PDB file of N, CA and C in Angstrom:
ATOM      1  N   UNK A   1       2.179   4.133  12.567  1.00  0.00           N
ATOM      2  CA  UNK A   1       0.843   2.964  13.606  1.00  0.00           C
ATOM      3  C   UNK A   1      -0.379   2.244  13.000  1.00  0.00           C
ATOM      4  N   UNK A   2       0.452   1.611  13.882  1.00  0.00           N
ATOM      5  CA  UNK A   2      -1.190   0.702  13.441  1.00  0.00           C
ATOM      6  C   UNK A   2      -2.385   0.746  12.890  1.00  0.00           C
ATOM      7  N   UNK A   3      -3.019  -0.019  11.729  1.00  0.00           N
ATOM      8  CA  UNK A   3      -4.400   0.467  12.226  1.00  0.00           C
ATOM      9  C   UNK A   3      -5.317  -0.832  12.737  1.00  0.00           C
ATOM     10  N   UNK A   4      -6.511  -0.748  12.939  1.00  0.00           N
ATOM     11  CA  UNK A   4      -7.255  -1.581  12.979  1.00  0.00           C
ATOM     12  C   UNK A   4      -8.751  -1.849  12.693  1.00  0.00           C
ATOM     13  N   UNK A   5      -9.098  -2.876  12.080  1.00  0.00           N
ATOM     14  CA  UNK A   5     -10.090  -2.874  10.559  1.00  0.00           C
ATOM     15  C   UNK A   5     -10.544  -4.445  11.083  1.00  0.00           C
ATOM     16  N   UNK A   6     -11.934  -3.972  11.481  1.00  0.00           N
ATOM     17  CA  UNK A   6     -13.119  -4.951  11.678  1.00  0.00           C
ATOM     18  C   UNK A   6     -13.304  -5.358  10.349  1.00  0.00           C
ATOM     19  N   UNK A   7     -13.824  -6.853  10.414  1.00  0.00           N
ATOM     20  CA  UNK A   7     -14.651  -7.699   9.457  1.00  0.00           C
ATOM     21  C   UNK A   7     -15.514  -8.425  10.206  1.00  0.00           C
ATOM     22  N   UNK A   8     -16.927  -7.863   8.794  1.00  0.00           N
ATOM     23  CA  UNK A   8     -18.068  -8.951   9.364  1.00  0.00           C
ATOM     24  C   UNK A   8     -18.837 -10.103   8.152  1.00  0.00           C
ATOM     25  N   UNK A   9     -19.664 -10.745   8.455  1.00  0.00           N
ATOM     26  CA  UNK A   9     -19.751 -11.719   7.973  1.00  0.00           C
ATOM     27  C   UNK A   9     -18.953 -12.622   7.538  1.00  0.00           C
ATOM     28  N   UNK A  10     -18.552 -12.605   7.815  1.00  0.00           N
ATOM     29  CA  UNK A  10     -17.169 -14.128   7.884  1.00  0.00           C
ATOM     30  C   UNK A  10     -18.000 -15.364   8.268  1.00  0.00           C
ATOM     31  N   UNK A  11     -17.109 -16.327   7.516  1.00  0.00           N
ATOM     32  CA  UNK A  11     -18.215 -17.214   7.529  1.00  0.00           C
ATOM     33  C   UNK A  11     -17.852 -18.319   8.596  1.00  0.00           C
ATOM     34  N   UNK A  12     -18.227 -19.044   9.279  1.00  0.00           N
ATOM     35  CA  UNK A  12     -17.814 -19.909  10.221  1.00  0.00           C
ATOM     36  C   UNK A  12     -16.586 -21.067  10.032  1.00  0.00           C
ATOM     37  N   UNK A  13     -16.359 -20.611   9.383  1.00  0.00           N
ATOM     38  CA  UNK A  13     -14.844 -21.840   8.409  1.00  0.00           C
ATOM     39  C   UNK A  13     -13.131 -20.963   8.440  1.00  0.00           C
ATOM     40  N   UNK A  14     -13.791 -19.789   8.357  1.00  0.00           N
ATOM     41  CA  UNK A  14     -12.483 -18.644   8.468  1.00  0.00           C
ATOM     42  C   UNK A  14     -11.328 -19.181  10.151  1.00  0.00           C
ATOM     43  N   UNK A  15     -10.617 -19.422   9.583  1.00  0.00           N
ATOM     44  CA  UNK A  15      -9.758 -19.343  10.805  1.00  0.00           C
ATOM     45  C   UNK A  15      -8.996 -17.608  11.502  1.00  0.00           C
ATOM     46  N   UNK A  16      -7.997 -17.756  11.975  1.00  0.00           N
ATOM     47  CA  UNK A  16      -7.278 -16.310  11.919  1.00  0.00           C
ATOM     48  C   UNK A  16      -6.126 -16.151  10.472  1.00  0.00           C
ATOM     49  N   UNK A  17      -5.325 -17.628  11.322  1.00  0.00           N
ATOM     50  CA  UNK A  17      -4.688 -18.016   9.699  1.00  0.00           C
ATOM     51  C   UNK A  17      -5.477 -17.693   8.165  1.00  0.00           C
ATOM     52  N   UNK A  18      -6.185 -18.221   7.857  1.00  0.00           N
ATOM     53  CA  UNK A  18      -6.579 -17.529   6.681  1.00  0.00           C
ATOM     54  C   UNK A  18      -7.447 -15.990   6.753  1.00  0.00           C
ATOM     55  N   UNK A  19      -7.359 -16.085   7.861  1.00  0.00           N
ATOM     56  CA  UNK A  19      -7.717 -14.239   7.291  1.00  0.00           C
ATOM     57  C   UNK A  19      -6.712 -13.451   7.266  1.00  0.00           C
ATOM     58  N   UNK A  20      -5.752 -13.612   8.255  1.00  0.00           N
ATOM     59  CA  UNK A  20      -4.360 -12.593   7.902  1.00  0.00           C
ATOM     60  C   UNK A  20      -3.835 -13.600   6.318  1.00  0.00           C
ATOM     61  N   UNK A  21      -4.319 -14.246   5.507  1.00  0.00           N
ATOM     62  CA  UNK A  21      -3.491 -14.786   4.475  1.00  0.00           C
ATOM     63  C   UNK A  21      -4.442 -13.397   3.548  1.00  0.00           C
ATOM     64  N   UNK A  22      -5.699 -13.590   4.017  1.00  0.00           N
ATOM     65  CA  UNK A  22      -6.624 -12.942   2.786  1.00  0.00           C
ATOM     66  C   UNK A  22      -5.764 -11.828   3.023  1.00  0.00           C
ATOM     67  N   UNK A  23      -6.148 -10.891   3.640  1.00  0.00           N
ATOM     68  CA  UNK A  23      -5.351  -9.779   4.325  1.00  0.00           C
ATOM     69  C   UNK A  23      -4.034  -9.230   4.387  1.00  0.00           C
ATOM     70  N   UNK A  24      -3.365  -9.941   4.038  1.00  0.00           N
ATOM     71  CA  UNK A  24      -1.358 -10.087   3.630  1.00  0.00           C
ATOM     72  C   UNK A  24      -0.951  -9.442   2.214  1.00  0.00           C
ATOM     73  N   UNK A  25      -2.325  -9.696   1.490  1.00  0.00           N
ATOM     74  CA  UNK A  25      -1.400  -9.754   0.271  1.00  0.00           C
ATOM     75  C   UNK A  25      -1.599  -7.955   0.261  1.00  0.00           C
ATOM     76  N   UNK A  26      -2.324  -6.774   1.075  1.00  0.00           N
ATOM     77  CA  UNK A  26      -2.342  -6.075   0.838  1.00  0.00           C
ATOM     78  C   UNK A  26      -1.156  -5.357   1.282  1.00  0.00           C
ATOM     79  N   UNK A  27      -0.734  -5.943   2.526  1.00  0.00           N
ATOM     80  CA  UNK A  27       0.235  -5.589   2.669  1.00  0.00           C
ATOM     81  C   UNK A  27       1.243  -6.164   4.962  1.00  0.00           C
ATOM     82  N   UNK A  28       1.375  -5.504   5.754  1.00  0.00           N
ATOM     83  CA  UNK A  28       1.537  -6.575   6.435  1.00  0.00           C
ATOM     84  C   UNK A  28       0.381  -6.509   7.505  1.00  0.00           C
ATOM     85  N   UNK A  29       0.249  -7.743   7.851  1.00  0.00           N
ATOM     86  CA  UNK A  29      -0.342  -7.786   8.949  1.00  0.00           C
ATOM     87  C   UNK A  29       0.144  -8.033  10.763  1.00  0.00           C
ATOM     88  N   UNK A  30      -0.048  -7.487  11.114  1.00  0.00           N
ATOM     89  CA  UNK A  30       0.565  -6.912  12.499  1.00  0.00           C
ATOM     90  C   UNK A  30      -0.323  -8.455  13.745  1.00  0.00           C
ATOM     91  N   UNK A  31      -1.178  -7.917  13.372  1.00  0.00           N
ATOM     92  CA  UNK A  31      -2.325 -10.119  13.669  1.00  0.00           C
ATOM     93  C   UNK A  31      -3.336  -9.658  13.239  1.00  0.00           C
ATOM     94  N   UNK A  32      -4.391 -11.008  12.892  1.00  0.00           N
ATOM     95  CA  UNK A  32      -5.734 -11.506  12.752  1.00  0.00           C
ATOM     96  C   UNK A  32      -6.907 -12.451  13.870  1.00  0.00           C
ATOM     97  N   UNK A  33      -7.432 -12.012  14.613  1.00  0.00           N
ATOM     98  CA  UNK A  33      -8.545 -12.991  15.073  1.00  0.00           C
ATOM     99  C   UNK A  33      -9.523 -12.472  14.316  1.00  0.00           C
ATOM    100  N   UNK A  34     -10.196 -14.092  14.824  1.00  0.00           N
ATOM    101  CA  UNK A  34     -11.379 -14.201  14.356  1.00  0.00           C
ATOM    102  C   UNK A  34     -12.210 -14.279  15.878  1.00  0.00           C
ATOM    103  N   UNK A  35     -13.338 -13.775  15.901  1.00  0.00           N
ATOM    104  CA  UNK A  35     -14.069 -13.759  17.366  1.00  0.00           C
ATOM    105  C   UNK A  35     -14.830 -14.936  17.707  1.00  0.00           C
ATOM    106  N   UNK A  36     -14.279 -15.385  18.261  1.00  0.00           N
ATOM    107  CA  UNK A  36     -15.445 -17.517  18.485  1.00  0.00           C
ATOM    108  C   UNK A  36     -16.233 -17.332  20.447  1.00  0.00           C
ATOM    109  N   UNK A  37     -16.818 -18.094  20.653  1.00  0.00           N
ATOM    110  CA  UNK A  37     -17.730 -17.633  21.706  1.00  0.00           C
ATOM    111  C   UNK A  37     -17.138 -18.252  23.024  1.00  0.00           C
ATOM    112  N   UNK A  38     -16.860 -17.624  23.997  1.00  0.00           N
ATOM    113  CA  UNK A  38     -15.489 -18.669  25.473  1.00  0.00           C
ATOM    114  C   UNK A  38     -16.340 -19.984  25.144  1.00  0.00           C
ATOM    115  N   UNK A  39     -17.638 -20.735  25.536  1.00  0.00           N
ATOM    116  CA  UNK A  39     -17.968 -21.674  25.106  1.00  0.00           C
ATOM    117  C   UNK A  39     -17.541 -22.689  24.286  1.00  0.00           C
ATOM    118  N   UNK A  40     -18.457 -22.337  23.607  1.00  0.00           N
ATOM    119  CA  UNK A  40     -18.206 -23.722  22.625  1.00  0.00           C
ATOM    120  C   UNK A  40     -17.156 -23.427  21.292  1.00  0.00           C
ATOM    121  N   UNK A  41     -16.591 -22.288  21.049  1.00  0.00           N
ATOM    122  CA  UNK A  41     -15.559 -22.256  20.783  1.00  0.00           C
ATOM    123  C   UNK A  41     -15.451 -21.111  18.824  1.00  0.00           C
ATOM    124  N   UNK A  42     -16.978 -21.747  18.908  1.00  0.00           N
ATOM    125  CA  UNK A  42     -17.641 -21.613  17.173  1.00  0.00           C
ATOM    126  C   UNK A  42     -17.262 -19.874  16.835  1.00  0.00           C
ATOM    127  N   UNK A  43     -17.168 -20.149  16.248  1.00  0.00           N
ATOM    128  CA  UNK A  43     -16.855 -18.627  15.440  1.00  0.00           C
ATOM    129  C   UNK A  43     -18.634 -17.814  15.644  1.00  0.00           C
ATOM    130  N   UNK A  44     -18.462 -16.318  16.052  1.00  0.00           N
ATOM    131  CA  UNK A  44     -18.548 -15.684  16.179  1.00  0.00           C
ATOM    132  C   UNK A  44     -19.210 -14.808  14.928  1.00  0.00           C
ATOM    133  N   UNK A  45     -19.114 -15.158  13.603  1.00  0.00           N
ATOM    134  CA  UNK A  45     -18.778 -14.361  12.674  1.00  0.00           C
ATOM    135  C   UNK A  45     -18.197 -12.960  11.924  1.00  0.00           C
ATOM    136  N   UNK A  46     -16.916 -12.492  13.068  1.00  0.00           N
ATOM    137  CA  UNK A  46     -16.511 -10.893  13.282  1.00  0.00           C
ATOM    138  C   UNK A  46     -15.204 -11.803  13.497  1.00  0.00           C
ATOM    139  N   UNK A  47     -14.234 -10.507  13.101  1.00  0.00           N
ATOM    140  CA  UNK A  47     -13.348 -10.755  13.123  1.00  0.00           C
ATOM    141  C   UNK A  47     -12.879  -8.979  13.708  1.00  0.00           C
ATOM    142  N   UNK A  48     -10.618  -8.900  13.957  1.00  0.00           N
ATOM    143  CA  UNK A  48     -10.300  -7.766  13.576  1.00  0.00           C
ATOM    144  C   UNK A  48      -8.870  -7.958  13.072  1.00  0.00           C
ATOM    145  N   UNK A  49      -8.193  -7.118  12.190  1.00  0.00           N
ATOM    146  CA  UNK A  49      -7.412  -6.822  11.319  1.00  0.00           C
ATOM    147  C   UNK A  49      -6.832  -5.912  11.158  1.00  0.00           C
ATOM    148  N   UNK A  50      -5.649  -6.337  12.028  1.00  0.00           N
ATOM    149  CA  UNK A  50      -4.009  -5.488  12.830  1.00  0.00           C
ATOM    150  C   UNK A  50      -3.817  -4.637  10.954  1.00  0.00           C
ATOM    151  N   UNK A  51      -3.572  -3.404  10.146  1.00  0.00           N
ATOM    152  CA  UNK A  51      -2.764  -3.793  10.054  1.00  0.00           C
ATOM    153  C   UNK A  51      -1.313  -2.447   9.853  1.00  0.00           C
ATOM    154  N   UNK A  52      -0.468  -2.542   9.493  1.00  0.00           N
ATOM    155  CA  UNK A  52       0.499  -1.853   9.822  1.00  0.00           C
ATOM    156  C   UNK A  52       1.178  -0.885   9.448  1.00  0.00           C
ATOM    157  N   UNK A  53       0.235  -0.123   8.337  1.00  0.00           N
ATOM    158  CA  UNK A  53      -0.275   1.196   8.345  1.00  0.00           C
ATOM    159  C   UNK A  53      -0.939   1.698   7.647  1.00  0.00           C
ATOM    160  N   UNK A  54      -1.236   2.902   8.013  1.00  0.00           N
ATOM    161  CA  UNK A  54      -3.205   3.338   6.931  1.00  0.00           C
ATOM    162  C   UNK A  54      -3.117   2.878   6.314  1.00  0.00           C
ATOM    163  N   UNK A  55      -1.998   3.193   5.073  1.00  0.00           N
ATOM    164  CA  UNK A  55      -1.711   2.891   3.578  1.00  0.00           C
ATOM    165  C   UNK A  55      -2.400   1.124   3.360  1.00  0.00           C
ATOM    166  N   UNK A  56      -2.223   1.085   4.028  1.00  0.00           N
ATOM    167  CA  UNK A  56      -2.260  -0.060   3.866  1.00  0.00           C
ATOM    168  C   UNK A  56      -3.994  -1.184   4.550  1.00  0.00           C
ATOM    169  N   UNK A  57      -4.201  -0.728   5.292  1.00  0.00           N
ATOM    170  CA  UNK A  57      -5.315  -0.771   5.954  1.00  0.00           C
ATOM    171  C   UNK A  57      -6.553  -0.381   4.937  1.00  0.00           C
ATOM    172  N   UNK A  58      -6.029   1.043   4.297  1.00  0.00           N
ATOM    173  CA  UNK A  58      -6.824   1.705   2.952  1.00  0.00           C
ATOM    174  C   UNK A  58      -7.817   0.384   2.510  1.00  0.00           C
ATOM    175  N   UNK A  59      -5.749   0.271   1.595  1.00  0.00           N
ATOM    176  CA  UNK A  59      -6.241  -0.475   0.613  1.00  0.00           C
ATOM    177  C   UNK A  59      -7.077  -1.935   0.653  1.00  0.00           C
ATOM    178  N   UNK A  60      -6.479  -2.536   1.897  1.00  0.00           N
ATOM    179  CA  UNK A  60      -7.286  -3.771   2.070  1.00  0.00           C
ATOM    180  C   UNK A  60      -8.882  -3.076   2.197  1.00  0.00           C
ATOM    181  N   UNK A  61      -9.241  -2.211   2.747  1.00  0.00           N
ATOM    182  CA  UNK A  61     -10.919  -1.782   3.211  1.00  0.00           C
ATOM    183  C   UNK A  61     -11.703  -1.527   1.295  1.00  0.00           C
ATOM    184  N   UNK A  62     -10.401  -0.776   0.451  1.00  0.00           N
ATOM    185  CA  UNK A  62     -10.978  -0.369  -0.721  1.00  0.00           C
ATOM    186  C   UNK A  62     -10.518  -1.978  -1.580  1.00  0.00           C
ATOM    187  N   UNK A  63      -9.901  -2.906  -1.565  1.00  0.00           N
ATOM    188  CA  UNK A  63     -10.763  -3.828  -2.274  1.00  0.00           C
ATOM    189  C   UNK A  63     -11.188  -4.917  -1.126  1.00  0.00           C
ATOM    190  N   UNK A  64     -10.806  -5.350   0.162  1.00  0.00           N
ATOM    191  CA  UNK A  64     -11.410  -6.768  -0.282  1.00  0.00           C
ATOM    192  C   UNK A  64     -12.944  -6.685   0.557  1.00  0.00           C
ATOM    193  N   UNK A  65     -13.966  -4.917   1.304  1.00  0.00           N
ATOM    194  CA  UNK A  65     -14.503  -4.876   1.844  1.00  0.00           C
ATOM    195  C   UNK A  65     -15.829  -4.925   0.421  1.00  0.00           C
ATOM    196  N   UNK A  66     -16.565  -5.604   0.473  1.00  0.00           N
ATOM    197  CA  UNK A  66     -17.582  -6.348  -0.328  1.00  0.00           C
ATOM    198  C   UNK A  66     -17.178  -7.092  -1.372  1.00  0.00           C
ATOM    199  N   UNK A  67     -16.128  -8.826  -0.866  1.00  0.00           N
ATOM    200  CA  UNK A  67     -15.562  -8.963  -1.931  1.00  0.00           C
ATOM    201  C   UNK A  67     -16.251 -10.901  -0.831  1.00  0.00           C
ATOM    202  N   UNK A  68     -16.257 -11.696  -1.847  1.00  0.00           N
ATOM    203  CA  UNK A  68     -16.331 -12.781  -1.731  1.00  0.00           C
ATOM    204  C   UNK A  68     -15.059 -13.217  -1.044  1.00  0.00           C
ATOM    205  N   UNK A  69     -15.717 -14.107   0.457  1.00  0.00           N
ATOM    206  CA  UNK A  69     -13.853 -15.285   1.100  1.00  0.00           C
ATOM    207  C   UNK A  69     -14.835 -15.952   2.190  1.00  0.00           C
ATOM    208  N   UNK A  70     -14.267 -16.850   1.689  1.00  0.00           N
ATOM    209  CA  UNK A  70     -14.322 -18.617   1.845  1.00  0.00           C
ATOM    210  C   UNK A  70     -16.439 -18.873   1.651  1.00  0.00           C
ATOM    211  N   UNK A  71     -17.375 -18.395   0.932  1.00  0.00           N
ATOM    212  CA  UNK A  71     -18.727 -18.447   0.210  1.00  0.00           C
ATOM    213  C   UNK A  71     -19.577 -17.257   0.848  1.00  0.00           C
ATOM    214  N   UNK A  72     -19.027 -16.209   1.814  1.00  0.00           N
ATOM    215  CA  UNK A  72     -19.601 -15.005   2.072  1.00  0.00           C
ATOM    216  C   UNK A  72     -18.896 -13.690   1.536  1.00  0.00           C
ATOM    217  N   UNK A  73     -20.085 -13.210   1.788  1.00  0.00           N
ATOM    218  CA  UNK A  73     -19.650 -11.485   0.712  1.00  0.00           C
ATOM    219  C   UNK A  73     -19.612 -10.767   2.297  1.00  0.00           C
ATOM    220  N   UNK A  74     -17.833 -10.472   2.412  1.00  0.00           N
ATOM    221  CA  UNK A  74     -17.684  -9.629   4.042  1.00  0.00           C
ATOM    222  C   UNK A  74     -17.482  -8.205   3.703  1.00  0.00           C
ATOM    223  N   UNK A  75     -17.691  -7.644   5.324  1.00  0.00           N
ATOM    224  CA  UNK A  75     -17.365  -6.046   5.764  1.00  0.00           C
ATOM    225  C   UNK A  75     -16.075  -5.351   6.186  1.00  0.00           C
ATOM    226  N   UNK A  76     -15.115  -4.905   5.398  1.00  0.00           N
ATOM    227  CA  UNK A  76     -14.365  -4.481   5.956  1.00  0.00           C
ATOM    228  C   UNK A  76     -14.172  -3.456   6.063  1.00  0.00           C
ATOM    229  N   UNK A  77     -14.320  -2.746   7.773  1.00  0.00           N
ATOM    230  CA  UNK A  77     -14.468  -1.206   8.408  1.00  0.00           C
ATOM    231  C   UNK A  77     -12.910  -0.946   8.713  1.00  0.00           C
ATOM    232  N   UNK A  78     -13.017   0.532   9.203  1.00  0.00           N
ATOM    233  CA  UNK A  78     -12.231   1.110  10.638  1.00  0.00           C
ATOM    234  C   UNK A  78     -13.370  -0.007  11.250  1.00  0.00           C
ATOM    235  N   UNK A  79     -12.038   0.175  12.607  1.00  0.00           N
ATOM    236  CA  UNK A  79     -12.390  -0.831  13.572  1.00  0.00           C
ATOM    237  C   UNK A  79     -13.268   1.268  14.581  1.00  0.00           C
ATOM    238  N   UNK A  80     -14.283   0.716  14.722  1.00  0.00           N
ATOM    239  CA  UNK A  80     -14.583   2.411  16.123  1.00  0.00           C
ATOM    240  C   UNK A  80     -13.883   2.543  17.072  1.00  0.00           C
ATOM    241  N   UNK A  81     -13.050   1.332  17.621  1.00  0.00           N
ATOM    242  CA  UNK A  81     -12.455   1.086  18.410  1.00  0.00           C
ATOM    243  C   UNK A  81     -11.321   1.247  18.884  1.00  0.00           C
ATOM    244  N   UNK A  82     -10.895   1.797  17.113  1.00  0.00           N
ATOM    245  CA  UNK A  82      -9.601   1.801  16.958  1.00  0.00           C
ATOM    246  C   UNK A  82      -8.561   1.847  18.510  1.00  0.00           C
ATOM    247  N   UNK A  83      -8.564   3.116  18.357  1.00  0.00           N
ATOM    248  CA  UNK A  83      -7.945   3.707  19.499  1.00  0.00           C
ATOM    249  C   UNK A  83      -7.918   3.518  20.866  1.00  0.00           C
ATOM    250  N   UNK A  84      -8.522   2.547  20.738  1.00  0.00           N
ATOM    251  CA  UNK A  84      -8.394   1.693  22.726  1.00  0.00           C
ATOM    252  C   UNK A  84      -9.576   3.012  22.902  1.00  0.00           C
ATOM    253  N   UNK A  85      -9.891   3.231  22.478  1.00  0.00           N
ATOM    254  CA  UNK A  85     -10.828   4.068  23.622  1.00  0.00           C
ATOM    255  C   UNK A  85     -12.486   3.930  24.035  1.00  0.00           C
ATOM    256  N   UNK A  86     -12.996   4.570  23.860  1.00  0.00           N
ATOM    257  CA  UNK A  86     -14.326   4.086  24.484  1.00  0.00           C
ATOM    258  C   UNK A  86     -15.007   5.048  25.592  1.00  0.00           C
ATOM    259  N   UNK A  87     -15.857   5.024  25.787  1.00  0.00           N
ATOM    260  CA  UNK A  87     -16.954   5.043  27.232  1.00  0.00           C
ATOM    261  C   UNK A  87     -16.590   4.332  28.363  1.00  0.00           C
ATOM    262  N   UNK A  88     -16.696   4.370  29.097  1.00  0.00           N
ATOM    263  CA  UNK A  88     -16.933   3.282  30.417  1.00  0.00           C
ATOM    264  C   UNK A  88     -17.339   3.563  31.192  1.00  0.00           C
ATOM    265  N   UNK A  89     -18.223   3.062  32.195  1.00  0.00           N
ATOM    266  CA  UNK A  89     -19.116   3.994  32.639  1.00  0.00           C
ATOM    267  C   UNK A  89     -18.767   2.880  34.124  1.00  0.00           C
ATOM    268  N   UNK A  90     -18.531   3.982  35.098  1.00  0.00           N
ATOM    269  CA  UNK A  90     -17.750   2.827  36.647  1.00  0.00           C
ATOM    270  C   UNK A  90     -19.499   2.434  36.859  1.00  0.00           C
ATOM    271  N   UNK A  91     -19.576   1.995  38.662  1.00  0.00           N
ATOM    272  CA  UNK A  91     -20.512   1.810  38.861  1.00  0.00           C
ATOM    273  C   UNK A  91     -21.388   2.427  39.363  1.00  0.00           C
ATOM    274  N   UNK A  92     -20.773   4.169  40.043  1.00  0.00           N
ATOM    275  CA  UNK A  92     -21.371   4.736  40.032  1.00  0.00           C
ATOM    276  C   UNK A  92     -22.508   5.343  39.169  1.00  0.00           C
ATOM    277  N   UNK A  93     -22.149   4.964  38.023  1.00  0.00           N
ATOM    278  CA  UNK A  93     -22.530   5.975  37.201  1.00  0.00           C
ATOM    279  C   UNK A  93     -23.799   4.991  36.574  1.00  0.00           C
ATOM    280  N   UNK A  94     -23.871   4.200  37.444  1.00  0.00           N
ATOM    281  CA  UNK A  94     -25.550   3.328  36.603  1.00  0.00           C
ATOM    282  C   UNK A  94     -26.687   4.089  36.890  1.00  0.00           C
ATOM    283  N   UNK A  95     -27.906   3.723  36.385  1.00  0.00           N
ATOM    284  CA  UNK A  95     -29.335   4.382  36.688  1.00  0.00           C
ATOM    285  C   UNK A  95     -30.544   4.054  37.335  1.00  0.00           C
ATOM    286  N   UNK A  96     -29.098   3.177  38.606  1.00  0.00           N
ATOM    287  CA  UNK A  96     -30.551   2.968  40.089  1.00  0.00           C
ATOM    288  C   UNK A  96     -29.448   2.421  40.780  1.00  0.00           C
ATOM    289  N   UNK A  97     -29.288   1.997  42.227  1.00  0.00           N
ATOM    290  CA  UNK A  97     -28.277   2.533  43.122  1.00  0.00           C
ATOM    291  C   UNK A  97     -28.127   1.515  43.729  1.00  0.00           C
ATOM    292  N   UNK A  98     -27.186   1.568  44.516  1.00  0.00           N
ATOM    293  CA  UNK A  98     -26.776   0.379  45.238  1.00  0.00           C
ATOM    294  C   UNK A  98     -27.968  -1.049  45.605  1.00  0.00           C
ATOM    295  N   UNK A  99     -29.091  -0.611  45.744  1.00  0.00           N
ATOM    296  CA  UNK A  99     -30.212  -1.620  46.388  1.00  0.00           C
ATOM    297  C   UNK A  99     -30.776  -1.264  45.017  1.00  0.00           C
ATOM    298  N   UNK A 100     -30.947  -1.095  44.168  1.00  0.00           N
ATOM    299  CA  UNK A 100     -32.380  -1.643  42.714  1.00  0.00           C
ATOM    300  C   UNK A 100     -32.968  -0.244  42.940  1.00  0.00           C
ATOM    301  N   UNK A 101     -32.673   1.066  43.231  1.00  0.00           N
ATOM    302  CA  UNK A 101     -34.219   1.891  43.302  1.00  0.00           C
ATOM    303  C   UNK A 101     -33.645   2.145  42.234  1.00  0.00           C
ATOM    304  N   UNK A 102     -34.349   3.232  41.205  1.00  0.00           N
ATOM    305  CA  UNK A 102     -34.356   3.691  39.990  1.00  0.00           C
ATOM    306  C   UNK A 102     -33.116   5.605  40.623  1.00  0.00           C
ATOM    307  N   UNK A 103     -32.469   5.768  39.992  1.00  0.00           N
ATOM    308  CA  UNK A 103     -31.854   7.427  40.185  1.00  0.00           C
ATOM    309  C   UNK A 103     -33.033   7.838  40.068  1.00  0.00           C
ATOM    310  N   UNK A 104     -33.014   9.260  40.007  1.00  0.00           N
ATOM    311  CA  UNK A 104     -33.672  10.401  39.660  1.00  0.00           C
ATOM    312  C   UNK A 104     -33.182  10.863  38.042  1.00  0.00           C
ATOM    313  N   UNK A 105     -33.791  11.166  37.567  1.00  0.00           N
ATOM    314  CA  UNK A 105     -33.476  11.886  36.081  1.00  0.00           C
ATOM    315  C   UNK A 105     -32.668  12.988  36.434  1.00  0.00           C
ATOM    316  N   UNK A 106     -31.344  12.712  35.672  1.00  0.00           N
ATOM    317  CA  UNK A 106     -30.511  13.515  35.475  1.00  0.00           C
ATOM    318  C   UNK A 106     -30.396  15.276  35.406  1.00  0.00           C
TER     319      UNK A 106
END
């Protein structure tokens, strides 16, 4: 089962490839992505890495969390959205009606 990790506090110089290389020493990396601003293309300072197994992911967290990477201390943890879940509210669940008036409290 693929395990998704959140990697924070990345230097702006970190690329997808350098992130993948850092994690590959602890197992098979399915994907490594640095999140970038859509307009400027500049890194937002965090990314995601998908490891092949939970054991590899746990080892990567243990070894890389709070370690120095390209001049910054990166933080590695399990992604909270790893299951692909999450709660999304529909348009009708908004706190106001379509005309902008607030609904009464629930």
